[in-house]
mmCIF file of all heavy atoms, coordinates in Angstrom:
data_MODEL
# 
_entry.id   MODEL 
# 
loop_
_atom_site.group_PDB 
_atom_site.id 
_atom_site.type_symbol 
_atom_site.label_atom_id 
_atom_site.label_alt_id 
_atom_site.label_comp_id 
_atom_site.label_asym_id 
_atom_site.label_entity_id 
_atom_site.label_seq_id 
_atom_site.pdbx_PDB_ins_code 
_atom_site.Cartn_x 
_atom_site.Cartn_y 
_atom_site.Cartn_z 
_atom_site.occupancy 
_atom_site.B_iso_or_equiv 
_atom_site.pdbx_formal_charge 
_atom_site.auth_seq_id 
_atom_site.auth_comp_id 
_atom_site.auth_asym_id 
_atom_site.auth_atom_id 
_atom_site.pdbx_PDB_model_num 
ATOM 1   N N   . PHE A 1 1  ? -10.419 5.985  -5.015 1.00 0.00 ? 1  PHE A N   1 
ATOM 2   C CA  . PHE A 1 1  ? -10.492 4.643  -4.394 1.00 0.00 ? 1  PHE A CA  1 
ATOM 3   C C   . PHE A 1 1  ? -9.273  4.524  -3.348 1.00 0.00 ? 1  PHE A C   1 
ATOM 4   O O   . PHE A 1 1  ? -9.584  4.022  -2.264 1.00 0.00 ? 1  PHE A O   1 
ATOM 5   C CB  . PHE A 1 1  ? -10.449 3.545  -5.411 1.00 0.00 ? 1  PHE A CB  1 
ATOM 6   C CG  . PHE A 1 1  ? -10.681 2.223  -4.771 1.00 0.00 ? 1  PHE A CG  1 
ATOM 7   C CD1 . PHE A 1 1  ? -12.041 1.699  -4.556 1.00 0.00 ? 1  PHE A CD1 1 
ATOM 8   C CD2 . PHE A 1 1  ? -9.664  1.323  -4.732 1.00 0.00 ? 1  PHE A CD2 1 
ATOM 9   C CE1 . PHE A 1 1  ? -12.120 0.476  -4.106 1.00 0.00 ? 1  PHE A CE1 1 
ATOM 10  C CE2 . PHE A 1 1  ? -9.882  0.100  -4.196 1.00 0.00 ? 1  PHE A CE2 1 
ATOM 11  C CZ  . PHE A 1 1  ? -11.134 -0.312 -3.884 1.00 0.00 ? 1  PHE A CZ  1 
ATOM 12  N N   . THR A 1 2  ? -8.204  4.892  -3.740 1.00 0.00 ? 2  THR A N   1 
ATOM 13  C CA  . THR A 1 2  ? -6.934  4.659  -2.820 1.00 0.00 ? 2  THR A CA  1 
ATOM 14  C C   . THR A 1 2  ? -7.153  5.625  -1.619 1.00 0.00 ? 2  THR A C   1 
ATOM 15  O O   . THR A 1 2  ? -6.818  5.273  -0.488 1.00 0.00 ? 2  THR A O   1 
ATOM 16  C CB  . THR A 1 2  ? -5.644  5.001  -3.588 1.00 0.00 ? 2  THR A CB  1 
ATOM 17  O OG1 . THR A 1 2  ? -5.633  4.139  -4.640 1.00 0.00 ? 2  THR A OG1 1 
ATOM 18  C CG2 . THR A 1 2  ? -4.477  4.826  -2.640 1.00 0.00 ? 2  THR A CG2 1 
ATOM 19  N N   . PHE A 1 3  ? -7.619  6.810  -1.824 1.00 0.00 ? 3  PHE A N   1 
ATOM 20  C CA  . PHE A 1 3  ? -7.800  7.940  -0.741 1.00 0.00 ? 3  PHE A CA  1 
ATOM 21  C C   . PHE A 1 3  ? -8.749  7.382  0.295  1.00 0.00 ? 3  PHE A C   1 
ATOM 22  O O   . PHE A 1 3  ? -8.604  7.303  1.503  1.00 0.00 ? 3  PHE A O   1 
ATOM 23  C CB  . PHE A 1 3  ? -8.156  9.181  -1.264 1.00 0.00 ? 3  PHE A CB  1 
ATOM 24  C CG  . PHE A 1 3  ? -8.342  10.225 -0.120 1.00 0.00 ? 3  PHE A CG  1 
ATOM 25  C CD1 . PHE A 1 3  ? -7.161  10.881 0.385  1.00 0.00 ? 3  PHE A CD1 1 
ATOM 26  C CD2 . PHE A 1 3  ? -9.523  10.794 0.104  1.00 0.00 ? 3  PHE A CD2 1 
ATOM 27  C CE1 . PHE A 1 3  ? -7.270  11.902 1.359  1.00 0.00 ? 3  PHE A CE1 1 
ATOM 28  C CE2 . PHE A 1 3  ? -9.583  11.706 1.078  1.00 0.00 ? 3  PHE A CE2 1 
ATOM 29  C CZ  . PHE A 1 3  ? -8.498  12.287 1.703  1.00 0.00 ? 3  PHE A CZ  1 
ATOM 30  N N   . LEU A 1 4  ? -9.945  6.777  -0.284 1.00 0.00 ? 4  LEU A N   1 
ATOM 31  C CA  . LEU A 1 4  ? -10.987 6.269  0.620  1.00 0.00 ? 4  LEU A CA  1 
ATOM 32  C C   . LEU A 1 4  ? -10.417 5.128  1.493  1.00 0.00 ? 4  LEU A C   1 
ATOM 33  O O   . LEU A 1 4  ? -10.653 4.933  2.678  1.00 0.00 ? 4  LEU A O   1 
ATOM 34  C CB  . LEU A 1 4  ? -12.178 5.837  -0.166 1.00 0.00 ? 4  LEU A CB  1 
ATOM 35  C CG  . LEU A 1 4  ? -13.349 5.102  0.531  1.00 0.00 ? 4  LEU A CG  1 
ATOM 36  C CD1 . LEU A 1 4  ? -13.896 6.042  1.577  1.00 0.00 ? 4  LEU A CD1 1 
ATOM 37  C CD2 . LEU A 1 4  ? -14.356 4.593  -0.482 1.00 0.00 ? 4  LEU A CD2 1 
ATOM 38  N N   . CYS A 1 5  ? -9.734  4.156  0.777  1.00 0.00 ? 5  CYS A N   1 
ATOM 39  C CA  . CYS A 1 5  ? -9.294  3.035  1.552  1.00 0.00 ? 5  CYS A CA  1 
ATOM 40  C C   . CYS A 1 5  ? -8.174  3.368  2.621  1.00 0.00 ? 5  CYS A C   1 
ATOM 41  O O   . CYS A 1 5  ? -8.114  2.754  3.562  1.00 0.00 ? 5  CYS A O   1 
ATOM 42  C CB  . CYS A 1 5  ? -8.731  1.996  0.573  1.00 0.00 ? 5  CYS A CB  1 
ATOM 43  S SG  . CYS A 1 5  ? -10.006 1.152  -0.534 1.00 0.00 ? 5  CYS A SG  1 
ATOM 44  N N   . LEU A 1 6  ? -7.256  4.408  2.128  1.00 0.00 ? 6  LEU A N   1 
ATOM 45  C CA  . LEU A 1 6  ? -6.287  4.780  3.107  1.00 0.00 ? 6  LEU A CA  1 
ATOM 46  C C   . LEU A 1 6  ? -6.946  5.200  4.426  1.00 0.00 ? 6  LEU A C   1 
ATOM 47  O O   . LEU A 1 6  ? -6.427  4.827  5.501  1.00 0.00 ? 6  LEU A O   1 
ATOM 48  C CB  . LEU A 1 6  ? -5.426  5.932  2.484  1.00 0.00 ? 6  LEU A CB  1 
ATOM 49  C CG  . LEU A 1 6  ? -4.550  6.613  3.458  1.00 0.00 ? 6  LEU A CG  1 
ATOM 50  C CD1 . LEU A 1 6  ? -3.298  5.723  3.765  1.00 0.00 ? 6  LEU A CD1 1 
ATOM 51  C CD2 . LEU A 1 6  ? -3.923  7.929  2.885  1.00 0.00 ? 6  LEU A CD2 1 
ATOM 52  N N   . LEU A 1 7  ? -8.017  5.897  4.341  1.00 0.00 ? 7  LEU A N   1 
ATOM 53  C CA  . LEU A 1 7  ? -8.629  6.632  5.574  1.00 0.00 ? 7  LEU A CA  1 
ATOM 54  C C   . LEU A 1 7  ? -9.507  5.559  6.146  1.00 0.00 ? 7  LEU A C   1 
ATOM 55  O O   . LEU A 1 7  ? -9.515  5.344  7.373  1.00 0.00 ? 7  LEU A O   1 
ATOM 56  C CB  . LEU A 1 7  ? -9.369  7.721  5.128  1.00 0.00 ? 7  LEU A CB  1 
ATOM 57  C CG  . LEU A 1 7  ? -8.625  9.039  4.542  1.00 0.00 ? 7  LEU A CG  1 
ATOM 58  C CD1 . LEU A 1 7  ? -9.541  10.109 4.457  1.00 0.00 ? 7  LEU A CD1 1 
ATOM 59  C CD2 . LEU A 1 7  ? -7.359  9.283  5.437  1.00 0.00 ? 7  LEU A CD2 1 
ATOM 60  N N   . ALA A 1 8  ? -10.393 4.855  5.398  1.00 0.00 ? 8  ALA A N   1 
ATOM 61  C CA  . ALA A 1 8  ? -11.458 3.944  6.056  1.00 0.00 ? 8  ALA A CA  1 
ATOM 62  C C   . ALA A 1 8  ? -10.865 2.691  6.685  1.00 0.00 ? 8  ALA A C   1 
ATOM 63  O O   . ALA A 1 8  ? -11.146 2.340  7.855  1.00 0.00 ? 8  ALA A O   1 
ATOM 64  C CB  . ALA A 1 8  ? -12.525 3.504  4.983  1.00 0.00 ? 8  ALA A CB  1 
ATOM 65  N N   . PHE A 1 9  ? -9.832  2.099  5.978  1.00 0.00 ? 9  PHE A N   1 
ATOM 66  C CA  . PHE A 1 9  ? -9.354  0.814  6.535  1.00 0.00 ? 9  PHE A CA  1 
ATOM 67  C C   . PHE A 1 9  ? -8.101  1.156  7.357  1.00 0.00 ? 9  PHE A C   1 
ATOM 68  O O   . PHE A 1 9  ? -7.438  0.205  8.034  1.00 0.00 ? 9  PHE A O   1 
ATOM 69  C CB  . PHE A 1 9  ? -8.862  0.015  5.427  1.00 0.00 ? 9  PHE A CB  1 
ATOM 70  C CG  . PHE A 1 9  ? -10.101 -0.596 4.734  1.00 0.00 ? 9  PHE A CG  1 
ATOM 71  C CD1 . PHE A 1 9  ? -10.466 -0.141 3.562  1.00 0.00 ? 9  PHE A CD1 1 
ATOM 72  C CD2 . PHE A 1 9  ? -10.850 -1.601 5.254  1.00 0.00 ? 9  PHE A CD2 1 
ATOM 73  C CE1 . PHE A 1 9  ? -11.445 -0.660 2.822  1.00 0.00 ? 9  PHE A CE1 1 
ATOM 74  C CE2 . PHE A 1 9  ? -11.968 -2.130 4.622  1.00 0.00 ? 9  PHE A CE2 1 
ATOM 75  C CZ  . PHE A 1 9  ? -12.314 -1.724 3.386  1.00 0.00 ? 9  PHE A CZ  1 
ATOM 76  N N   . ASN A 1 10 ? -7.707  2.409  7.614  1.00 0.00 ? 10 ASN A N   1 
ATOM 77  C CA  . ASN A 1 10 ? -6.687  2.839  8.533  1.00 0.00 ? 10 ASN A CA  1 
ATOM 78  C C   . ASN A 1 10 ? -7.271  3.726  9.624  1.00 0.00 ? 10 ASN A C   1 
ATOM 79  O O   . ASN A 1 10 ? -6.517  4.541  10.251 1.00 0.00 ? 10 ASN A O   1 
ATOM 80  C CB  . ASN A 1 10 ? -5.565  3.435  7.679  1.00 0.00 ? 10 ASN A CB  1 
ATOM 81  C CG  . ASN A 1 10 ? -4.327  3.585  8.552  1.00 0.00 ? 10 ASN A CG  1 
ATOM 82  O OD1 . ASN A 1 10 ? -3.889  2.848  9.294  1.00 0.00 ? 10 ASN A OD1 1 
ATOM 83  N ND2 . ASN A 1 10 ? -3.779  4.831  8.478  1.00 0.00 ? 10 ASN A ND2 1 
ATOM 84  N N   . SER A 1 11 ? -8.589  3.718  9.812  1.00 0.00 ? 11 SER A N   1 
ATOM 85  C CA  . SER A 1 11 ? -9.193  4.644  10.594 1.00 0.00 ? 11 SER A CA  1 
ATOM 86  C C   . SER A 1 11 ? -8.809  4.733  12.087 1.00 0.00 ? 11 SER A C   1 
ATOM 87  O O   . SER A 1 11 ? -8.812  5.783  12.790 1.00 0.00 ? 11 SER A O   1 
ATOM 88  C CB  . SER A 1 11 ? -10.758 4.586  10.547 1.00 0.00 ? 11 SER A CB  1 
ATOM 89  O OG  . SER A 1 11 ? -11.159 3.249  10.931 1.00 0.00 ? 11 SER A OG  1 
ATOM 90  N N   . ASP A 1 12 ? -8.392  3.616  12.678 1.00 0.00 ? 12 ASP A N   1 
ATOM 91  C CA  . ASP A 1 12 ? -7.967  3.452  14.136 1.00 0.00 ? 12 ASP A CA  1 
ATOM 92  C C   . ASP A 1 12 ? -6.690  4.263  14.269 1.00 0.00 ? 12 ASP A C   1 
ATOM 93  O O   . ASP A 1 12 ? -6.490  4.961  15.316 1.00 0.00 ? 12 ASP A O   1 
ATOM 94  C CB  . ASP A 1 12 ? -7.811  2.077  14.532 1.00 0.00 ? 12 ASP A CB  1 
ATOM 95  C CG  . ASP A 1 12 ? -9.013  1.464  15.103 1.00 0.00 ? 12 ASP A CG  1 
ATOM 96  O OD1 . ASP A 1 12 ? -10.083 2.107  15.206 1.00 0.00 ? 12 ASP A OD1 1 
ATOM 97  O OD2 . ASP A 1 12 ? -8.913  0.274  15.412 1.00 0.00 ? 12 ASP A OD2 1 
ATOM 98  N N   . ALA A 1 13 ? -5.751  4.210  13.225 1.00 0.00 ? 13 ALA A N   1 
ATOM 99  C CA  . ALA A 1 13 ? -4.486  4.934  13.353 1.00 0.00 ? 13 ALA A CA  1 
ATOM 100 C C   . ALA A 1 13 ? -4.565  6.390  13.104 1.00 0.00 ? 13 ALA A C   1 
ATOM 101 O O   . ALA A 1 13 ? -3.665  7.092  13.558 1.00 0.00 ? 13 ALA A O   1 
ATOM 102 C CB  . ALA A 1 13 ? -3.551  4.288  12.494 1.00 0.00 ? 13 ALA A CB  1 
ATOM 103 N N   . LEU A 1 14 ? -5.625  6.907  12.616 1.00 0.00 ? 14 LEU A N   1 
ATOM 104 C CA  . LEU A 1 14 ? -5.677  8.336  12.139 1.00 0.00 ? 14 LEU A CA  1 
ATOM 105 C C   . LEU A 1 14 ? -5.684  9.216  13.337 1.00 0.00 ? 14 LEU A C   1 
ATOM 106 O O   . LEU A 1 14 ? -5.386  10.426 13.200 1.00 0.00 ? 14 LEU A O   1 
ATOM 107 C CB  . LEU A 1 14 ? -6.939  8.497  11.259 1.00 0.00 ? 14 LEU A CB  1 
ATOM 108 C CG  . LEU A 1 14 ? -6.891  7.903  9.827  1.00 0.00 ? 14 LEU A CG  1 
ATOM 109 C CD1 . LEU A 1 14 ? -8.187  8.155  9.069  1.00 0.00 ? 14 LEU A CD1 1 
ATOM 110 C CD2 . LEU A 1 14 ? -5.718  8.533  9.083  1.00 0.00 ? 14 LEU A CD2 1 
ATOM 111 N N   . ALA A 1 15 ? -6.137  8.764  14.451 1.00 0.00 ? 15 ALA A N   1 
ATOM 112 C CA  . ALA A 1 15 ? -6.098  9.589  15.719 1.00 0.00 ? 15 ALA A CA  1 
ATOM 113 C C   . ALA A 1 15 ? -4.752  9.993  16.193 1.00 0.00 ? 15 ALA A C   1 
ATOM 114 O O   . ALA A 1 15 ? -4.615  10.963 16.888 1.00 0.00 ? 15 ALA A O   1 
ATOM 115 C CB  . ALA A 1 15 ? -6.869  8.919  16.779 1.00 0.00 ? 15 ALA A CB  1 
ATOM 116 N N   . PHE A 1 16 ? -3.719  9.244  15.796 1.00 0.00 ? 16 PHE A N   1 
ATOM 117 C CA  . PHE A 1 16 ? -2.360  9.553  16.157 1.00 0.00 ? 16 PHE A CA  1 
ATOM 118 C C   . PHE A 1 16 ? -1.351  9.698  15.142 1.00 0.00 ? 16 PHE A C   1 
ATOM 119 O O   . PHE A 1 16 ? -0.259  10.068 15.356 1.00 0.00 ? 16 PHE A O   1 
ATOM 120 C CB  . PHE A 1 16 ? -1.933  8.534  17.307 1.00 0.00 ? 16 PHE A CB  1 
ATOM 121 C CG  . PHE A 1 16 ? -1.916  7.135  16.904 1.00 0.00 ? 16 PHE A CG  1 
ATOM 122 C CD1 . PHE A 1 16 ? -0.914  6.566  16.243 1.00 0.00 ? 16 PHE A CD1 1 
ATOM 123 C CD2 . PHE A 1 16 ? -3.100  6.287  17.316 1.00 0.00 ? 16 PHE A CD2 1 
ATOM 124 C CE1 . PHE A 1 16 ? -0.934  5.210  15.898 1.00 0.00 ? 16 PHE A CE1 1 
ATOM 125 C CE2 . PHE A 1 16 ? -3.100  5.063  16.746 1.00 0.00 ? 16 PHE A CE2 1 
ATOM 126 C CZ  . PHE A 1 16 ? -2.089  4.492  16.073 1.00 0.00 ? 16 PHE A CZ  1 
ATOM 127 N N   . GLU A 1 17 ? -1.614  9.129  13.928 1.00 0.00 ? 17 GLU A N   1 
ATOM 128 C CA  . GLU A 1 17 ? -0.629  9.155  12.911 1.00 0.00 ? 17 GLU A CA  1 
ATOM 129 C C   . GLU A 1 17 ? -0.500  10.411 12.253 1.00 0.00 ? 17 GLU A C   1 
ATOM 130 O O   . GLU A 1 17 ? -1.309  11.285 12.177 1.00 0.00 ? 17 GLU A O   1 
ATOM 131 C CB  . GLU A 1 17 ? -1.033  8.122  11.717 1.00 0.00 ? 17 GLU A CB  1 
ATOM 132 C CG  . GLU A 1 17 ? -0.740  6.623  12.134 1.00 0.00 ? 17 GLU A CG  1 
ATOM 133 C CD  . GLU A 1 17 ? -1.000  5.823  10.991 1.00 0.00 ? 17 GLU A CD  1 
ATOM 134 O OE1 . GLU A 1 17 ? -1.647  6.116  10.029 1.00 0.00 ? 17 GLU A OE1 1 
ATOM 135 O OE2 . GLU A 1 17 ? -0.403  4.614  11.089 1.00 0.00 ? 17 GLU A OE2 1 
ATOM 136 N N   . SER A 1 18 ? 0.729   10.773 11.863 1.00 0.00 ? 18 SER A N   1 
ATOM 137 C CA  . SER A 1 18 ? 1.150   12.113 11.263 1.00 0.00 ? 18 SER A CA  1 
ATOM 138 C C   . SER A 1 18 ? 0.829   11.855 9.702  1.00 0.00 ? 18 SER A C   1 
ATOM 139 O O   . SER A 1 18 ? 0.641   10.783 9.207  1.00 0.00 ? 18 SER A O   1 
ATOM 140 C CB  . SER A 1 18 ? 2.495   12.459 11.559 1.00 0.00 ? 18 SER A CB  1 
ATOM 141 O OG  . SER A 1 18 ? 3.346   11.436 10.983 1.00 0.00 ? 18 SER A OG  1 
ATOM 142 N N   . LEU A 1 19 ? 0.875   13.069 9.055  1.00 0.00 ? 19 LEU A N   1 
ATOM 143 C CA  . LEU A 1 19 ? 0.944   13.157 7.609  1.00 0.00 ? 19 LEU A CA  1 
ATOM 144 C C   . LEU A 1 19 ? 2.052   12.294 7.096  1.00 0.00 ? 19 LEU A C   1 
ATOM 145 O O   . LEU A 1 19 ? 1.862   11.507 5.970  1.00 0.00 ? 19 LEU A O   1 
ATOM 146 C CB  . LEU A 1 19 ? 0.873   14.431 6.994  1.00 0.00 ? 19 LEU A CB  1 
ATOM 147 C CG  . LEU A 1 19 ? -0.321  15.428 7.150  1.00 0.00 ? 19 LEU A CG  1 
ATOM 148 C CD1 . LEU A 1 19 ? 0.007   16.878 6.980  1.00 0.00 ? 19 LEU A CD1 1 
ATOM 149 C CD2 . LEU A 1 19 ? -1.432  14.852 6.370  1.00 0.00 ? 19 LEU A CD2 1 
ATOM 150 N N   . ASN A 1 20 ? 3.238   12.299 7.802  1.00 0.00 ? 20 ASN A N   1 
ATOM 151 C CA  . ASN A 1 20 ? 4.354   11.476 7.139  1.00 0.00 ? 20 ASN A CA  1 
ATOM 152 C C   . ASN A 1 20 ? 4.022   10.006 7.238  1.00 0.00 ? 20 ASN A C   1 
ATOM 153 O O   . ASN A 1 20 ? 4.350   9.292  6.348  1.00 0.00 ? 20 ASN A O   1 
ATOM 154 C CB  . ASN A 1 20 ? 5.578   11.840 7.930  1.00 0.00 ? 20 ASN A CB  1 
ATOM 155 C CG  . ASN A 1 20 ? 6.865   11.318 7.335  1.00 0.00 ? 20 ASN A CG  1 
ATOM 156 O OD1 . ASN A 1 20 ? 7.250   11.626 6.304  1.00 0.00 ? 20 ASN A OD1 1 
ATOM 157 N ND2 . ASN A 1 20 ? 7.362   10.335 8.123  1.00 0.00 ? 20 ASN A ND2 1 
ATOM 158 N N   . ASP A 1 21 ? 3.422   9.598  8.445  1.00 0.00 ? 21 ASP A N   1 
ATOM 159 C CA  . ASP A 1 21 ? 3.027   8.271  8.581  1.00 0.00 ? 21 ASP A CA  1 
ATOM 160 C C   . ASP A 1 21 ? 2.073   7.842  7.463  1.00 0.00 ? 21 ASP A C   1 
ATOM 161 O O   . ASP A 1 21 ? 2.218   6.675  6.890  1.00 0.00 ? 21 ASP A O   1 
ATOM 162 C CB  . ASP A 1 21 ? 2.413   8.028  9.929  1.00 0.00 ? 21 ASP A CB  1 
ATOM 163 C CG  . ASP A 1 21 ? 3.236   8.205  11.057 1.00 0.00 ? 21 ASP A CG  1 
ATOM 164 O OD1 . ASP A 1 21 ? 4.542   8.015  10.945 1.00 0.00 ? 21 ASP A OD1 1 
ATOM 165 O OD2 . ASP A 1 21 ? 2.764   8.700  12.046 1.00 0.00 ? 21 ASP A OD2 1 
ATOM 166 N N   . LEU A 1 22 ? 1.189   8.676  7.001  1.00 0.00 ? 22 LEU A N   1 
ATOM 167 C CA  . LEU A 1 22 ? 0.228   8.312  5.998  1.00 0.00 ? 22 LEU A CA  1 
ATOM 168 C C   . LEU A 1 22 ? 0.891   8.107  4.715  1.00 0.00 ? 22 LEU A C   1 
ATOM 169 O O   . LEU A 1 22 ? 0.623   7.238  3.868  1.00 0.00 ? 22 LEU A O   1 
ATOM 170 C CB  . LEU A 1 22 ? -0.820  9.372  5.944  1.00 0.00 ? 22 LEU A CB  1 
ATOM 171 C CG  . LEU A 1 22 ? -1.865  9.320  7.144  1.00 0.00 ? 22 LEU A CG  1 
ATOM 172 C CD1 . LEU A 1 22 ? -2.904  10.430 7.014  1.00 0.00 ? 22 LEU A CD1 1 
ATOM 173 C CD2 . LEU A 1 22 ? -2.578  8.054  7.434  1.00 0.00 ? 22 LEU A CD2 1 
ATOM 174 N N   . THR A 1 23 ? 1.844   8.979  4.401  1.00 0.00 ? 23 THR A N   1 
ATOM 175 C CA  . THR A 1 23 ? 2.630   8.930  3.073  1.00 0.00 ? 23 THR A CA  1 
ATOM 176 C C   . THR A 1 23 ? 3.389   7.638  3.045  1.00 0.00 ? 23 THR A C   1 
ATOM 177 O O   . THR A 1 23 ? 3.484   7.118  2.041  1.00 0.00 ? 23 THR A O   1 
ATOM 178 C CB  . THR A 1 23 ? 3.562   10.213 2.976  1.00 0.00 ? 23 THR A CB  1 
ATOM 179 O OG1 . THR A 1 23 ? 4.495   10.247 3.911  1.00 0.00 ? 23 THR A OG1 1 
ATOM 180 C CG2 . THR A 1 23 ? 2.713   11.417 2.908  1.00 0.00 ? 23 THR A CG2 1 
ATOM 181 N N   . VAL A 1 24 ? 4.002   7.206  4.237  1.00 0.00 ? 24 VAL A N   1 
ATOM 182 C CA  . VAL A 1 24 ? 4.685   5.914  4.253  1.00 0.00 ? 24 VAL A CA  1 
ATOM 183 C C   . VAL A 1 24 ? 3.746   4.796  3.989  1.00 0.00 ? 24 VAL A C   1 
ATOM 184 O O   . VAL A 1 24 ? 4.031   3.828  3.217  1.00 0.00 ? 24 VAL A O   1 
ATOM 185 C CB  . VAL A 1 24 ? 5.351   5.733  5.707  1.00 0.00 ? 24 VAL A CB  1 
ATOM 186 C CG1 . VAL A 1 24 ? 5.927   4.322  5.738  1.00 0.00 ? 24 VAL A CG1 1 
ATOM 187 C CG2 . VAL A 1 24 ? 6.424   6.773  5.859  1.00 0.00 ? 24 VAL A CG2 1 
ATOM 188 N N   . LYS A 1 25 ? 2.538   4.859  4.558  1.00 0.00 ? 25 LYS A N   1 
ATOM 189 C CA  . LYS A 1 25 ? 1.589   3.869  4.313  1.00 0.00 ? 25 LYS A CA  1 
ATOM 190 C C   . LYS A 1 25 ? 1.139   3.716  2.883  1.00 0.00 ? 25 LYS A C   1 
ATOM 191 O O   . LYS A 1 25 ? 0.966   2.645  2.252  1.00 0.00 ? 25 LYS A O   1 
ATOM 192 C CB  . LYS A 1 25 ? 0.287   3.978  5.107  1.00 0.00 ? 25 LYS A CB  1 
ATOM 193 C CG  . LYS A 1 25 ? -0.556  2.811  5.270  1.00 0.00 ? 25 LYS A CG  1 
ATOM 194 C CD  . LYS A 1 25 ? -1.526  2.880  6.399  1.00 0.00 ? 25 LYS A CD  1 
ATOM 195 C CE  . LYS A 1 25 ? -2.277  1.623  6.647  1.00 0.00 ? 25 LYS A CE  1 
ATOM 196 N NZ  . LYS A 1 25 ? -1.394  0.549  7.023  1.00 0.00 ? 25 LYS A NZ  1 
ATOM 197 N N   . LEU A 1 26 ? 0.968   5.023  2.231  1.00 0.00 ? 26 LEU A N   1 
ATOM 198 C CA  . LEU A 1 26 ? 0.625   4.917  0.773  1.00 0.00 ? 26 LEU A CA  1 
ATOM 199 C C   . LEU A 1 26 ? 1.727   4.287  -0.084 1.00 0.00 ? 26 LEU A C   1 
ATOM 200 O O   . LEU A 1 26 ? 1.446   3.614  -0.953 1.00 0.00 ? 26 LEU A O   1 
ATOM 201 C CB  . LEU A 1 26 ? 0.506   6.342  0.277  1.00 0.00 ? 26 LEU A CB  1 
ATOM 202 C CG  . LEU A 1 26 ? -0.899  7.081  0.645  1.00 0.00 ? 26 LEU A CG  1 
ATOM 203 C CD1 . LEU A 1 26 ? -0.868  8.510  0.210  1.00 0.00 ? 26 LEU A CD1 1 
ATOM 204 C CD2 . LEU A 1 26 ? -2.006  6.369  -0.260 1.00 0.00 ? 26 LEU A CD2 1 
ATOM 205 N N   . GLU A 1 27 ? 3.074   4.509  0.404  1.00 0.00 ? 27 GLU A N   1 
ATOM 206 C CA  . GLU A 1 27 ? 4.057   4.093  -0.343 1.00 0.00 ? 27 GLU A CA  1 
ATOM 207 C C   . GLU A 1 27 ? 4.183   2.451  -0.160 1.00 0.00 ? 27 GLU A C   1 
ATOM 208 O O   . GLU A 1 27 ? 4.448   1.745  -1.153 1.00 0.00 ? 27 GLU A O   1 
ATOM 209 C CB  . GLU A 1 27 ? 5.434   4.699  -0.024 1.00 0.00 ? 27 GLU A CB  1 
ATOM 210 C CG  . GLU A 1 27 ? 6.594   4.214  -0.865 1.00 0.00 ? 27 GLU A CG  1 
ATOM 211 C CD  . GLU A 1 27 ? 7.839   5.281  -0.823 1.00 0.00 ? 27 GLU A CD  1 
ATOM 212 O OE1 . GLU A 1 27 ? 7.597   6.327  -0.302 1.00 0.00 ? 27 GLU A OE1 1 
ATOM 213 O OE2 . GLU A 1 27 ? 8.820   4.856  -1.435 1.00 0.00 ? 27 GLU A OE2 1 
# 
């Protein structure tokens, strides 16, 4: 559920965000 929401509701940013950015968002 968390993985799906991380990607689906953050989909605009995935085009330029790094893996580190995603880990920050998870935290």
